[in-house]
Amino acid sequence: MGNRLSKIYTRTGDNGTTGLGDGTRIAKNSLRIHALGEVDELNAVIGVLRTEPLESSIHAVLEAIQHDLFDMGGELCMPGYTLIKPERVDALENQLDAWNAHLAPLKEFILPGGCRAAAYCHLARTVCRRVERAIYALNENEPVSNAALRYINRLSDLLFVLCRVLNKNAGVNDILWQHKP
């Protein structure tokens, strides 16, 4: 792969537009760029989570997710281009099922928190939900691939289960919500 970023600033965005991968220029406050930025933020939050001491298998899953999110950004950057494959949704579902099989059934809502890694993971989960809202808003005006829509929905589910796994691995109980009238 050649030098893609030999010059970091171009000055072409000084007028409030930015370039897409196909060369089209659009407003920096467009739904597409908003969704792209949300995906980027989610990737960064997962990067923060990966700074925690985690099992190597969890690091591997999170790294694969970061690559998928970069691909999702590529899709958003090039309208009509598909990079997220249905197999990646299947992979998330399989991992989610594998992790969830070792957890006690959940009978109450849980509060974000527990160990620090789980707290970071809860943050990633909530950012993921924001990404989902952003790409669904975009999809109302411009098509987003079905695989990308399914992927981001499944990812938030996986992150929720991972929060519970991280707490369990750390010997920390999930914090159960208790409604106090």
Protein backbone atom coordinates (compact mmCIF):
# COMPACT_ATOMS: atom_id res chain seq x y z
CA MET A 1 0.00 0.00 0.00
CA GLY A 2 1.36 3.37 -0.95
CA ASN A 3 1.65 6.53 1.09
CA ARG A 4 -1.98 7.54 1.54
CA LEU A 5 -1.44 10.40 3.94
CA SER A 6 1.68 12.11 2.76
CA LYS A 7 0.09 15.50 3.47
CA ILE A 8 -2.23 15.76 6.47
CA TYR A 9 -3.82 19.12 5.74
CA THR A 10 -5.18 20.12 2.35
CA ARG A 11 -7.15 23.29 3.13
CA THR A 12 -9.96 21.96 0.92
CA GLY A 13 -12.30 21.71 3.92
CA ASP A 14 -11.90 25.30 5.03
CA ASN A 15 -15.21 26.18 3.36
CA GLY A 16 -17.27 23.70 5.42
CA THR A 17 -17.17 20.79 2.99
CA THR A 18 -15.29 17.54 3.02
CA GLY A 19 -14.42 15.01 0.36
CA LEU A 20 -15.89 11.53 0.15
CA GLY A 21 -13.95 8.55 -1.15
CA ASP A 22 -15.56 8.93 -4.58
CA GLY A 23 -14.37 12.55 -4.85
CA THR A 24 -17.76 14.11 -4.09
CA ARG A 25 -17.69 17.11 -1.75
CA ILE A 26 -20.43 17.38 0.86
CA ALA A 27 -21.17 19.54 3.88
CA LYS A 28 -19.27 18.64 7.02
CA ASN A 29 -22.56 18.72 8.93
CA SER A 30 -24.35 16.27 6.62
CA LEU A 31 -25.95 13.10 7.99
CA ARG A 32 -23.32 11.02 6.19
CA ILE A 33 -20.39 12.83 7.80
CA HIS A 34 -22.17 12.82 11.16
CA ALA A 35 -22.57 9.02 10.95
CA LEU A 36 -18.96 8.64 9.83
CA GLY A 37 -17.76 10.66 12.83
CA GLU A 38 -19.87 8.56 15.21
CA VAL A 39 -18.33 5.36 13.84
CA ASP A 40 -14.87 6.88 14.28
CA GLU A 41 -15.67 7.78 17.90
CA LEU A 42 -16.88 4.25 18.62
CA ASN A 43 -13.66 2.86 17.19
CA ALA A 44 -11.68 5.20 19.45
CA VAL A 45 -13.65 4.17 22.55
CA ILE A 46 -13.02 0.50 21.75
CA GLY A 47 -9.35 1.43 21.40
CA VAL A 48 -9.48 2.84 24.94
CA LEU A 49 -11.10 -0.39 26.16
CA ARG A 50 -8.27 -2.35 24.54
CA THR A 51 -5.73 -0.53 26.74
CA GLU A 52 -7.11 -2.51 29.67
CA PRO A 53 -5.55 -5.85 30.63
CA LEU A 54 -7.93 -8.23 28.82
CA GLU A 55 -7.71 -11.87 27.81
CA SER A 56 -5.99 -12.24 24.46
CA SER A 57 -9.14 -13.75 22.93
CA ILE A 58 -11.12 -10.64 23.91
CA HIS A 59 -8.39 -8.39 22.49
CA ALA A 60 -8.61 -10.35 19.23
CA VAL A 61 -12.39 -9.95 19.01
CA LEU A 62 -12.15 -6.23 19.73
CA GLU A 63 -9.38 -5.76 17.18
CA ALA A 64 -11.50 -7.50 14.52
CA ILE A 65 -14.38 -5.18 15.45
CA GLN A 66 -12.12 -2.15 15.06
CA HIS A 67 -11.22 -3.31 11.55
CA ASP A 68 -14.93 -3.82 10.81
CA LEU A 69 -15.70 -0.31 12.04
CA PHE A 70 -12.99 1.08 9.80
CA ASP A 71 -14.65 -0.81 6.92
CA MET A 72 -18.00 0.66 7.96
CA GLY A 73 -16.40 4.10 7.77
CA GLY A 74 -15.24 3.18 4.28
CA GLU A 75 -18.80 2.31 3.31
CA LEU A 76 -20.05 5.61 4.65
CA CYS A 77 -17.26 7.45 2.86
CA MET A 78 -18.13 5.88 -0.51
CA PRO A 79 -21.90 5.88 -1.13
CA GLY A 80 -23.09 2.64 -2.70
CA TYR A 81 -19.93 0.75 -1.74
CA THR A 82 -20.29 -2.29 0.52
CA LEU A 83 -17.51 -3.48 2.80
CA ILE A 84 -19.37 -5.05 5.76
CA LYS A 85 -20.27 -8.59 4.77
CA PRO A 86 -23.13 -10.62 6.30
CA GLU A 87 -20.51 -13.08 7.58
CA ARG A 88 -19.27 -10.41 9.99
CA VAL A 89 -22.78 -10.16 11.48
CA ASP A 90 -22.75 -13.95 11.85
CA ALA A 91 -19.37 -13.75 13.59
CA LEU A 92 -20.73 -11.25 16.11
CA GLU A 93 -23.76 -13.44 16.78
CA ASN A 94 -21.59 -16.52 17.27
CA GLN A 95 -19.28 -14.70 19.67
CA LEU A 96 -22.22 -13.20 21.54
CA ASP A 97 -23.80 -16.64 21.97
CA ALA A 98 -20.50 -18.15 23.13
CA TRP A 99 -19.93 -15.47 25.77
CA ASN A 100 -23.54 -15.38 26.90
CA ALA A 101 -23.62 -19.17 27.41
CA HIS A 102 -21.26 -18.80 30.39
CA LEU A 103 -23.23 -16.05 32.13
CA ALA A 104 -25.99 -16.38 34.67
CA PRO A 105 -29.41 -15.52 33.25
CA LEU A 106 -30.18 -11.86 33.62
CA LYS A 107 -33.33 -11.18 35.64
CA GLU A 108 -32.88 -7.45 36.23
CA PHE A 109 -31.54 -4.49 34.33
CA ILE A 110 -27.93 -3.67 35.13
CA LEU A 111 -26.30 -0.31 35.66
CA PRO A 112 -23.17 0.65 33.74
CA GLY A 113 -20.09 0.02 35.82
CA GLY A 114 -18.37 -2.72 37.72
CA CYS A 115 -14.70 -3.06 36.92
CA ARG A 116 -12.98 -0.35 34.86
CA ALA A 117 -12.87 -2.46 31.69
CA ALA A 118 -16.61 -3.11 31.95
CA ALA A 119 -17.25 0.61 32.51
CA TYR A 120 -15.28 1.40 29.33
CA CYS A 121 -17.22 -1.31 27.54
CA HIS A 122 -20.52 0.22 28.70
CA LEU A 123 -19.31 3.53 27.28
CA ALA A 124 -18.55 1.78 23.98
CA ARG A 125 -22.04 0.20 24.05
CA THR A 126 -23.75 3.57 24.49
CA VAL A 127 -21.66 5.17 21.73
CA CYS A 128 -22.56 2.17 19.56
CA ARG A 129 -26.25 2.91 20.14
CA ARG A 130 -25.61 6.50 19.03
CA VAL A 131 -23.87 5.19 15.89
CA GLU A 132 -26.92 3.07 15.21
CA ARG A 133 -29.23 6.09 15.48
CA ALA A 134 -26.96 8.09 13.18
CA ILE A 135 -26.76 5.48 10.43
CA TYR A 136 -30.50 4.81 10.60
CA ALA A 137 -31.09 8.56 10.22
CA LEU A 138 -28.79 8.52 7.19
CA ASN A 139 -30.58 5.44 5.83
CA GLU A 140 -33.88 7.37 5.80
CA ASN A 141 -32.38 9.66 3.13
CA GLU A 142 -29.58 7.66 1.52
CA PRO A 143 -29.25 3.87 1.52
CA VAL A 144 -26.91 2.17 3.97
CA SER A 145 -26.18 -1.51 3.44
CA ASN A 146 -28.39 -3.95 5.30
CA ALA A 147 -25.30 -5.74 6.60
CA ALA A 148 -23.95 -2.51 8.12
CA LEU A 149 -27.30 -1.78 9.79
CA ARG A 150 -27.49 -5.31 11.19
CA TYR A 151 -23.83 -5.27 12.23
CA ILE A 152 -24.11 -2.14 14.35
CA ASN A 153 -27.27 -3.41 16.05
CA ARG A 154 -25.63 -6.72 16.87
CA LEU A 155 -22.44 -5.01 18.02
CA SER A 156 -24.27 -3.12 20.76
CA ASP A 157 -25.72 -6.45 21.95
CA LEU A 158 -22.27 -8.02 21.94
CA LEU A 159 -20.80 -5.11 23.88
CA PHE A 160 -23.52 -5.46 26.52
CA VAL A 161 -22.69 -9.14 26.98
CA LEU A 162 -18.97 -8.34 26.98
CA CYS A 163 -19.55 -5.91 29.86
CA ARG A 164 -20.94 -8.80 31.87
CA VAL A 165 -18.07 -11.08 30.82
CA LEU A 166 -15.49 -8.50 31.86
CA ASN A 167 -17.11 -8.08 35.28
CA LYS A 168 -17.32 -11.84 35.74
CA ASN A 169 -13.68 -12.31 34.74
CA ALA A 170 -12.66 -9.59 37.22
CA GLY A 171 -14.71 -11.19 40.00
CA VAL A 172 -16.99 -8.15 40.16
CA ASN A 173 -20.76 -8.46 40.29
CA ASP A 174 -22.92 -6.61 37.81
CA ILE A 175 -24.71 -3.72 39.48
CA LEU A 176 -28.41 -4.56 39.39
CA TRP A 177 -30.89 -1.75 38.98
CA GLN A 178 -33.23 -1.36 41.89
CA HIS A 179 -36.24 0.82 41.43
CA LYS A 180 -36.93 2.87 44.52
CA PRO A 181 -40.38 4.51 44.45
